[in-house]
């Protein structure tokens, strides 16, 4: 299995970070990981209801913007947010995004 590229958040531009957070599916992944912590990738895919290749695409973009770390445990793969590192690079950005996601979900449920 080939090594997966994980960007160093210190090298990520604001534009790349914003691109990573610009898609509704990626926002759902970020919200799910913020809520559940490290989660198996297959569980995330089932939760989103999208194909494996589409999920992999979104994981790649989140890795490239320094927000996601994916690890392998035998046949299983899991993902976790790199919250502390991302927060150090872009103070307040992830918190604002997560607060907004939460607000949107509450409004949608009301």
Protein backbone atom coordinates (compact mmCIF):
# COMPACT_ATOMS: atom_id res chain seq x y z
CA UNK A 1 0.00 0.00 0.00
CA UNK A 2 1.35 3.40 -0.91
CA UNK A 3 1.89 6.12 1.68
CA UNK A 4 -0.81 8.76 1.82
CA UNK A 5 0.22 12.41 1.58
CA UNK A 6 -0.68 14.51 4.61
CA UNK A 7 0.02 18.23 4.24
CA UNK A 8 1.80 20.04 7.02
CA UNK A 9 -0.75 22.65 8.16
CA UNK A 10 2.10 25.16 8.48
CA UNK A 11 2.52 24.97 4.68
CA UNK A 12 -1.19 25.33 3.83
CA UNK A 13 -2.43 28.62 2.41
CA UNK A 14 -5.67 30.23 3.51
CA UNK A 15 -7.06 29.65 0.00
CA UNK A 16 -6.32 25.92 0.25
CA UNK A 17 -7.91 25.75 3.71
CA UNK A 18 -11.02 27.53 2.46
CA UNK A 19 -11.19 25.23 -0.57
CA UNK A 20 -11.06 22.24 1.78
CA UNK A 21 -14.01 23.61 3.72
CA UNK A 22 -16.02 24.75 0.69
CA UNK A 23 -17.95 21.57 -0.09
CA UNK A 24 -21.09 20.36 1.76
CA UNK A 25 -19.84 16.75 1.90
CA UNK A 26 -16.48 17.85 3.33
CA UNK A 27 -18.30 19.98 5.90
CA UNK A 28 -20.32 16.92 6.89
CA UNK A 29 -17.10 14.89 7.24
CA UNK A 30 -15.54 17.62 9.40
CA UNK A 31 -18.66 17.86 11.58
CA UNK A 32 -18.84 14.08 11.97
CA UNK A 33 -15.18 13.81 12.97
CA UNK A 34 -15.45 16.78 15.34
CA UNK A 35 -18.40 15.09 17.02
CA UNK A 36 -17.13 11.47 17.05
CA UNK A 37 -13.34 11.78 17.06
CA UNK A 38 -11.35 9.22 15.07
CA UNK A 39 -13.78 7.26 12.91
CA UNK A 40 -13.47 4.40 10.44
CA UNK A 41 -13.58 5.64 6.87
CA UNK A 42 -16.20 3.05 5.91
CA UNK A 43 -18.50 4.38 8.63
CA UNK A 44 -18.08 7.93 7.30
CA UNK A 45 -18.90 6.72 3.79
CA UNK A 46 -22.06 4.98 4.99
CA UNK A 47 -23.09 8.08 6.95
CA UNK A 48 -22.66 10.30 3.88
CA UNK A 49 -24.35 7.84 1.54
CA UNK A 50 -21.85 8.42 -1.28
CA UNK A 51 -19.55 6.14 -3.26
CA UNK A 52 -16.18 4.98 -2.04
CA UNK A 53 -14.38 6.90 -4.81
CA UNK A 54 -16.26 10.11 -4.01
CA UNK A 55 -15.46 9.73 -0.32
CA UNK A 56 -11.78 9.15 -1.15
CA UNK A 57 -11.78 12.32 -3.24
CA UNK A 58 -13.09 14.38 -0.31
CA UNK A 59 -10.63 12.75 2.11
CA UNK A 60 -7.76 13.64 -0.26
CA UNK A 61 -8.76 17.30 -0.36
CA UNK A 62 -9.10 17.43 3.43
CA UNK A 63 -5.65 15.81 3.81
CA UNK A 64 -4.12 18.25 1.33
CA UNK A 65 -5.46 21.24 3.26
CA UNK A 66 -3.96 19.88 6.49
CA UNK A 67 -7.27 19.20 8.21
CA UNK A 68 -7.52 15.41 8.14
CA UNK A 69 -5.17 12.59 9.09
CA UNK A 70 -5.92 9.11 7.81
CA UNK A 71 -4.35 6.04 9.37
CA UNK A 72 -4.37 2.33 8.58
CA UNK A 73 -5.07 -0.42 11.09
CA UNK A 74 -4.70 -3.67 9.15
CA UNK A 75 -7.47 -3.67 6.54
CA UNK A 76 -9.34 -0.82 8.26
CA UNK A 77 -8.69 2.86 7.65
CA UNK A 78 -9.72 5.63 9.98
CA UNK A 79 -9.71 9.41 9.86
CA UNK A 80 -9.34 12.11 12.48
CA UNK A 81 -9.26 15.88 12.43
CA UNK A 82 -5.97 17.65 13.04
CA UNK A 83 -7.79 20.28 15.07
CA UNK A 84 -4.89 21.54 17.18
CA UNK A 85 -2.50 21.87 14.24
CA UNK A 86 -5.16 23.51 12.05
CA UNK A 87 -6.15 25.87 14.87
CA UNK A 88 -2.51 26.90 15.34
CA UNK A 89 -2.27 27.77 11.63
CA UNK A 90 -5.72 29.37 11.24
CA UNK A 91 -6.89 30.52 14.69
CA UNK A 92 -10.66 30.49 15.05
CA UNK A 93 -11.43 29.29 11.51
CA UNK A 94 -12.41 25.71 12.33
CA UNK A 95 -14.40 26.77 15.40
CA UNK A 96 -16.36 29.29 13.33
CA UNK A 97 -17.04 26.68 10.64
CA UNK A 98 -18.19 24.09 13.18
CA UNK A 99 -20.43 26.64 14.94
CA UNK A 100 -21.96 27.56 11.58
CA UNK A 101 -22.55 23.90 10.67
CA UNK A 102 -24.27 23.38 14.01
CA UNK A 103 -26.45 26.47 13.50
CA UNK A 104 -27.42 25.34 9.99
CA UNK A 105 -28.36 21.89 11.26
CA UNK A 106 -30.48 23.35 14.08
CA UNK A 107 -32.29 25.67 11.65
CA UNK A 108 -32.90 22.80 9.23
CA UNK A 109 -34.38 20.71 12.06
CA UNK A 110 -36.63 23.53 13.28
